[in-house]
Structures are given as C-alpha cells and as structure tokens.
Protein backbone atom coordinates (compact mmCIF):
# COMPACT_ATOMS: atom_id res chain seq x y z
CA MET A 1 27.16 -4.57 101.99
CA ASN A 2 28.11 -0.89 101.79
CA ASP A 3 30.86 -0.33 99.23
CA ALA A 4 31.68 3.19 100.48
CA ALA A 5 34.81 3.74 102.54
CA ILE A 6 33.71 7.30 103.35
CA GLU A 7 30.26 8.85 102.92
CA ILE A 8 29.81 12.59 103.39
CA SER A 9 26.37 14.17 103.11
CA GLY A 10 25.46 17.85 103.44
CA LEU A 11 28.67 18.57 105.36
CA ARG A 12 28.81 22.18 106.48
CA LYS A 13 31.30 24.07 108.61
CA VAL A 14 31.06 27.69 109.74
CA TYR A 15 33.86 29.22 111.80
CA LYS A 16 32.58 31.91 114.15
CA GLY A 17 34.13 35.31 113.63
CA GLN A 18 36.25 36.68 116.46
CA LYS A 19 35.73 40.13 117.99
CA GLY A 20 32.97 41.20 115.65
CA ALA A 21 34.50 39.73 112.52
CA PRO A 22 32.04 38.01 110.14
CA ASP A 23 31.60 34.25 110.27
CA LYS A 24 33.58 32.22 107.73
CA LEU A 25 31.84 29.53 105.70
CA ALA A 26 34.49 26.83 105.22
CA LEU A 27 32.30 24.00 103.87
CA ASN A 28 29.00 24.50 102.10
CA ASN A 29 26.87 21.32 102.01
CA ILE A 30 29.52 18.95 100.68
CA ASP A 31 28.44 15.54 99.37
CA LEU A 32 31.14 12.96 98.67
CA THR A 33 31.26 9.18 98.39
CA ILE A 34 34.69 7.54 98.37
CA PRO A 35 34.54 3.87 97.27
CA LYS A 36 36.37 1.15 99.17
CA GLY A 37 39.68 0.26 97.58
CA SER A 38 39.98 3.49 95.59
CA MET A 39 42.88 5.90 95.24
CA PHE A 40 40.91 9.11 95.69
CA GLY A 41 42.29 12.59 95.03
CA LEU A 42 40.90 15.60 96.90
CA LEU A 43 42.15 18.74 95.20
CA GLY A 44 41.59 22.45 95.55
CA PRO A 45 43.40 25.77 96.07
CA ASN A 46 44.58 26.90 99.51
CA GLY A 47 41.62 27.63 101.76
CA ALA A 48 39.21 25.61 99.62
CA GLY A 49 38.14 23.35 102.51
CA LYS A 50 40.25 20.22 101.99
CA SER A 51 41.93 20.22 105.40
CA THR A 52 38.69 21.19 107.16
CA THR A 53 37.00 18.15 105.61
CA ILE A 54 39.85 15.87 106.67
CA ASN A 55 39.97 17.30 110.20
CA ILE A 56 36.24 16.69 110.63
CA LEU A 57 36.71 13.06 109.56
CA ALA A 58 39.64 12.76 111.97
CA GLY A 59 37.59 14.13 114.86
CA LEU A 60 39.74 17.25 115.23
CA VAL A 61 37.10 19.75 114.08
CA ASN A 62 33.38 19.76 114.92
CA LYS A 63 31.08 20.07 111.94
CA THR A 64 28.26 22.62 111.89
CA ALA A 65 25.79 20.39 110.01
CA GLY A 66 25.57 17.29 107.84
CA SER A 67 26.80 13.75 108.40
CA ALA A 68 29.86 11.62 107.71
CA LYS A 69 30.44 7.89 107.88
CA ILE A 70 33.79 6.09 107.92
CA TRP A 71 33.65 2.42 106.91
CA GLY A 72 29.92 2.54 107.65
CA PHE A 73 30.29 4.10 111.12
CA ASP A 74 28.78 7.52 111.78
CA ILE A 75 31.41 9.87 113.22
CA ASP A 76 28.86 11.17 115.79
CA LYS A 77 27.10 7.95 116.75
CA ASN A 78 30.14 5.62 116.63
CA PRO A 79 33.20 7.87 116.97
CA ARG A 80 35.50 5.11 118.30
CA ASN A 81 34.68 2.70 115.49
CA ALA A 82 34.95 5.49 112.93
CA SER A 83 38.39 6.59 114.15
CA ALA A 84 39.61 2.98 114.34
CA ASN A 85 39.07 2.65 110.59
CA ILE A 86 41.01 5.71 109.51
CA GLY A 87 44.62 6.84 109.67
CA VAL A 88 45.49 10.46 108.92
CA VAL A 89 48.86 11.86 107.87
CA PRO A 90 48.56 15.62 108.57
CA GLN A 91 50.31 18.46 106.75
CA GLU A 92 52.05 19.69 109.89
CA LEU A 93 55.16 17.93 111.19
CA MET A 94 54.21 17.54 114.86
CA PHE A 95 56.58 15.55 117.09
CA ASP A 96 57.74 15.18 120.66
CA ALA A 97 61.39 16.07 120.30
CA PHE A 98 62.49 13.59 122.99
CA PHE A 99 60.67 10.53 121.67
CA THR A 100 62.35 8.06 119.34
CA PRO A 101 60.47 6.76 116.27
CA ARG A 102 60.03 3.37 117.99
CA GLU A 103 58.63 5.01 121.14
CA MET A 104 56.27 7.19 119.10
CA LEU A 105 54.81 4.22 117.24
CA GLU A 106 54.49 2.19 120.44
CA VAL A 107 52.66 5.01 122.23
CA GLN A 108 50.37 5.55 119.22
CA ALA A 109 49.58 1.83 119.04
CA GLY A 110 48.77 1.84 122.75
CA MET A 111 46.39 4.77 122.30
CA TYR A 112 44.48 2.70 119.73
CA GLY A 113 44.39 -0.30 122.04
CA VAL A 114 46.64 -2.48 119.90
CA ALA A 115 47.91 -5.38 122.02
CA LYS A 116 51.70 -5.60 122.34
CA ASP A 117 51.84 -8.92 120.51
CA ASP A 118 49.89 -7.44 117.61
CA ARG A 119 52.00 -4.32 117.12
CA LYS A 120 53.99 -3.92 113.91
CA THR A 121 56.43 -1.24 114.99
CA ASP A 122 59.56 -2.70 113.43
CA GLU A 123 57.69 -3.75 110.29
CA LEU A 124 56.39 -0.21 109.79
CA LEU A 125 59.79 1.38 110.46
CA LYS A 126 61.34 -0.88 107.81
CA ALA A 127 58.54 -0.14 105.36
CA VAL A 128 59.15 3.63 105.56
CA HIS A 129 62.97 3.20 105.54
CA LEU A 130 63.46 4.39 109.13
CA TYR A 131 64.52 1.18 110.86
CA ASP A 132 68.11 2.43 111.19
CA LYS A 133 66.73 5.53 112.99
CA ALA A 134 64.40 3.59 115.30
CA ASP A 135 66.17 4.69 118.48
CA ALA A 136 67.28 8.19 117.46
CA TYR A 137 65.55 11.23 118.93
CA SER A 138 62.90 12.53 116.52
CA ARG A 139 64.43 16.01 116.67
CA THR A 140 67.48 14.66 114.80
CA LEU A 141 65.42 13.44 111.83
CA SER A 142 65.28 15.35 108.57
CA GLY A 143 62.00 16.78 107.31
CA GLY A 144 61.61 13.92 104.86
CA MET A 145 62.20 11.33 107.59
CA LYS A 146 59.62 13.00 109.81
CA ARG A 147 57.13 12.90 106.94
CA ARG A 148 57.68 9.15 106.53
CA LEU A 149 57.37 8.64 110.29
CA LEU A 150 53.96 10.32 110.20
CA VAL A 151 52.86 7.77 107.59
CA ALA A 152 54.00 4.91 109.85
CA LYS A 153 52.28 6.55 112.83
CA ALA A 154 48.99 6.68 110.91
CA LEU A 155 49.22 2.95 110.18
CA VAL A 156 49.89 1.52 113.66
CA HIS A 157 46.29 0.28 114.04
CA THR A 158 46.16 -1.10 110.46
CA PRO A 159 43.27 1.11 109.30
CA PRO A 160 41.53 0.23 106.02
CA ILE A 161 41.56 3.94 105.06
CA LEU A 162 44.66 6.15 104.90
CA ILE A 163 44.31 9.91 104.38
CA LEU A 164 47.40 11.78 103.22
CA ASP A 165 47.11 15.56 103.54
CA GLU A 166 49.77 17.15 101.30
CA PRO A 167 52.25 14.34 102.12
CA THR A 168 54.97 15.41 99.68
CA ALA A 169 54.91 19.15 100.39
CA GLY A 170 58.49 20.35 100.77
CA VAL A 171 60.17 16.98 100.19
CA ASP A 172 62.65 16.09 97.48
CA ILE A 173 61.89 14.04 94.37
CA GLU A 174 63.61 10.88 95.64
CA LEU A 175 61.61 10.85 98.87
CA ARG A 176 58.42 11.56 96.96
CA GLN A 177 59.05 8.52 94.77
CA GLN A 178 59.79 6.33 97.80
CA LEU A 179 56.60 7.49 99.51
CA TRP A 180 54.42 6.83 96.47
CA GLU A 181 55.98 3.42 96.00
CA TYR A 182 54.93 2.49 99.53
CA VAL A 183 51.47 4.04 99.10
CA ARG A 184 50.99 2.00 95.93
CA GLU A 185 51.91 -1.16 97.86
CA LEU A 186 49.33 -0.30 100.54
CA HIS A 187 46.72 0.32 97.88
CA ALA A 188 47.53 -2.97 96.16
CA ARG A 189 46.90 -4.73 99.48
CA GLY A 190 43.42 -3.19 99.67
CA THR A 191 43.91 0.05 101.62
CA THR A 192 41.69 2.91 100.50
CA ILE A 193 43.87 5.98 99.91
CA VAL A 194 42.61 9.56 100.09
CA LEU A 195 45.15 12.10 98.90
CA THR A 196 45.28 15.88 98.89
CA THR A 197 48.11 17.42 96.94
CA HIS A 198 49.22 20.60 95.18
CA TYR A 199 51.15 18.50 92.67
CA LEU A 200 48.51 17.93 90.02
CA GLU A 201 50.68 15.52 88.06
CA GLU A 202 50.71 13.27 91.15
CA ALA A 203 46.93 13.16 91.29
CA GLU A 204 46.69 12.57 87.56
CA GLU A 205 49.15 9.67 87.74
CA LEU A 206 48.03 8.06 91.02
CA CYS A 207 44.31 8.63 91.53
CA ASP A 208 41.48 6.69 89.92
CA THR A 209 38.91 9.29 91.05
CA ILE A 210 39.33 13.01 91.71
CA ALA A 211 37.14 15.54 93.52
CA ILE A 212 37.87 19.24 93.22
CA ILE A 213 36.79 21.58 96.05
CA ASN A 214 36.64 25.34 95.69
CA HIS A 215 35.26 27.87 98.19
CA GLY A 216 33.91 25.03 100.33
CA GLU A 217 31.95 23.38 97.52
CA VAL A 218 32.58 20.32 95.36
CA VAL A 219 32.85 21.60 91.78
CA ALA A 220 33.74 18.21 90.26
CA CYS A 221 33.92 14.57 91.34
CA GLU A 222 34.57 12.06 88.59
CA PRO A 223 36.86 9.19 87.54
CA THR A 224 40.19 10.73 86.50
CA GLU A 225 39.90 9.61 82.89
CA GLN A 226 36.40 11.06 82.61
CA LEU A 227 37.49 14.31 84.24
CA LEU A 228 40.29 14.70 81.71
CA LYS A 229 37.71 14.40 78.95
CA ARG A 230 35.73 17.33 80.35
CA ILE A 231 37.77 19.68 78.23
CA ASP A 232 38.32 18.15 74.82
CA GLU A 233 40.29 21.13 73.57
CA LYS A 234 43.76 20.50 72.23
CA GLU A 235 46.42 22.69 70.70
CA ILE A 236 47.98 21.99 67.31
CA VAL A 237 51.43 23.54 66.87
CA ILE A 238 52.59 23.88 63.27
CA ASP A 239 56.12 24.79 62.21
CA ILE A 240 56.19 26.32 58.75
CA ALA A 241 58.97 27.17 56.30
CA GLU A 242 57.70 30.68 55.66
CA THR A 243 57.97 33.76 57.91
CA LEU A 244 54.68 35.40 58.91
CA SER A 245 53.87 38.79 60.39
CA GLU A 246 50.19 38.02 60.98
CA ILE A 247 47.68 35.15 60.97
CA PRO A 248 46.67 34.21 57.38
CA ASP A 249 43.05 34.90 56.44
CA SER A 250 42.24 31.21 56.02
CA LEU A 251 43.19 30.54 59.67
CA LYS A 252 41.37 33.51 61.22
CA GLU A 253 38.19 31.46 61.59
CA PHE A 254 40.03 29.32 64.14
CA LYS A 255 41.37 30.26 67.57
CA SER A 256 44.90 30.85 66.28
CA ASP A 257 48.06 32.39 67.67
CA LEU A 258 51.41 33.22 66.12
CA LYS A 259 53.95 31.96 68.66
CA THR A 260 56.91 32.93 66.44
CA PRO A 261 57.04 34.19 62.83
CA SER A 262 57.29 30.55 61.71
CA LYS A 263 55.24 28.76 64.38
CA LEU A 264 51.43 28.68 64.42
CA ALA A 265 49.31 27.44 67.33
CA VAL A 266 45.66 26.54 66.70
CA GLN A 267 43.15 25.53 69.39
CA ILE A 268 40.60 22.93 68.31
CA SER A 269 37.86 20.86 69.92
CA GLN A 270 35.30 18.34 68.78
CA GLU A 271 32.72 21.11 68.50
CA SER A 272 34.83 23.74 66.76
CA ALA A 273 37.09 22.00 64.24
CA ASN A 274 39.28 18.98 63.52
CA VAL A 275 42.88 18.53 62.44
CA ALA A 276 41.96 17.99 58.79
CA GLN A 277 40.17 21.35 58.64
CA VAL A 278 43.19 23.13 60.14
CA LEU A 279 45.60 21.48 57.70
CA ALA A 280 43.33 22.40 54.78
CA ALA A 281 43.38 26.02 55.93
CA VAL A 282 47.19 25.95 56.15
CA GLN A 283 47.41 24.60 52.60
CA LYS A 284 44.93 27.23 51.40
CA ALA A 285 47.33 29.89 52.74
CA ASP A 286 50.13 28.31 50.62
CA LEU A 287 52.21 27.55 53.69
CA THR A 288 54.77 24.73 53.85
CA ILE A 289 54.46 22.50 56.91
CA GLN A 290 57.80 21.40 58.34
CA ASP A 291 56.57 19.86 61.58
CA ILE A 292 53.32 19.41 63.49
CA SER A 293 52.64 18.45 67.12
CA THR A 294 49.66 18.26 69.46
CA ASN A 295 49.37 19.36 73.09
CA GLU A 296 46.61 17.52 74.97
CA THR A 297 44.60 18.95 77.86
CA ASP A 298 45.89 17.87 81.28
CA LEU A 299 44.53 17.99 84.81
CA GLU A 300 46.08 21.41 85.46
CA ASP A 301 44.02 22.94 82.63
CA ILE A 302 40.82 21.48 84.06
CA PHE A 303 41.73 22.45 87.63
CA LEU A 304 42.37 26.06 86.65
CA GLN A 305 39.18 26.28 84.64
CA LEU A 306 36.99 24.84 87.41
CA THR A 307 38.51 26.87 90.23
CA SER A 308 38.83 30.16 88.35
CA SER A 309 35.14 30.07 87.40
CA LYS A 310 34.15 30.75 91.04
CA GLN A 311 36.53 33.48 92.06
C-alpha cells in the first residue's frame, strides 16, 4: 500500500511571457513526497512557487512537465479521483456576496456529488464557529469569518488531504488559535495537512516535516527536528561586572561581539568551540561573570540561510 498522500516528481511550470517578455520559470523539477497522516509545512518567500504547486494539485494551473499523484491518483490520468481526495483553502477570499454560508456549503457539496443525506453542512458550520451566521449573507461576514468558511468549504466532501495556503494571513491572534485548534483536531482524526505560511513559528510548532522552496526549487525537505539541527550554531550571551571598550584578546579567537560595554555575545558550534572553552577565555581575561544565557537556532535562522543563499 502506498503511504504517500501526495507524490510530486519532476514538476515543472513555465509561464509564457506576454508581448515579447521572457518566459518565467516558476517551478524547476520539484520532487516532493508528503506522507499520509503528516502535518507538512511548505515554506518559501513570496514568488518561490508555493501557490503554483498548490494550484497545479488543485487543477487550477496546468503543469509544463512532471507528474503528481494525490492519494495514489495521477492528476492527469484520474483527475476526478485526485480532486475528490483533496480540499484546498486558497489565500484569496473569494465569495458570492449573495450566498449564505449554508448555501455555499450545500452548493459545494453538490458539485462534489455528495448526496443530501451525507452532507455535513451544519456540523462543519459548528466546527468553524459559524453556525450562528449560517443564514447571513457572506458579504456581512468579517475577514476572519470568511477565512473559516473557506476551511469548511474545503471539507464538504471529507477529503483525506487538506491544503491550507496562508490560512492565517491577516487574521488576529484569537482567530489563528481557533483555526489551529480545529486543524489539530482534523489531523488527530487522520487528515493529512499541508500548510503554507509566512509565520515561521507556526510551522515550527505545528509541522512534523517541512519543505522549503526558493526560486522554484526545493532547497530542503526534512523532519522539523532534523531541519532545526542543520545549523548547530548557538549564541552565548555573557553579562559581566566590568566595562569593556573592546573584545579581550582571549576572546578574539571566537566569533565575538560586544553588545554593550558589559555584555558579550559569542557564537559557538560543535565544530568551532564549546561553552567550557568560552568560559575559560572569559576567566583568562579576568572578567567577572554576572549572568549567562544561550540563544538557540530557530527555524527563521535556517529559513533565512537557505533562501538567501540563492538570491
């Protein structure tokens, strides 16, 4: 049995230039395997190719080359089966202003061929905290409510895969927490979640695996914990009793910085040095340590390093 929820192989997309403009390479031979049951993060700067990848999977954009399978179904050979196994929450808030949330979900369910007796319209509206707005015109909903309605709309056919494209962009903290609480519930029930986000702390907290795309290429795809170990560098911050005007000689062999006259910052890694060596150098300089703290590498550091290397 295939354990991949989504398989992408050699995916390439070239947008033809208009009126003599050069063609634009959006995706350059992307390979990705997203396991069933995972919480998968797809990260990258604006224009990196995240939305193009998602739109190809959703059937909204035609690929130039390569292949993609959703739940084992090829998007070209079995487009109906592929689309039946995926729900996409797009970045854009697109609504018919004169439809109510209940009507929108009913129409969407009908488009997927869900029988009336099998529809879960009210259940979904309750799950995304919109049941009290079920019969209000969608134009009267706030931006956050519309975002939640899009999540419900993507779930009307109970797909095993849910793709969320920047779902918390422009929403407040409370709504973000509500949305992630519901997404965690879906994941706990077995739904495979694919998430793109600009909030790196969200990906670090939520995702078990993260792929980073830059300039249409995958520059990293690893379990989150393993990705965070890519850069083992950490910063030691030392508060001292003395006042310094320059870095002491004993600390110049390290990557050191004087943040304030009485605060030293030293970068270390497994290859360069350890904490004991730094403390020995501080003692050699006859400095009095008042406090010491460590700043660990986070996903933002790794993201910036991987994406800035291909500018």
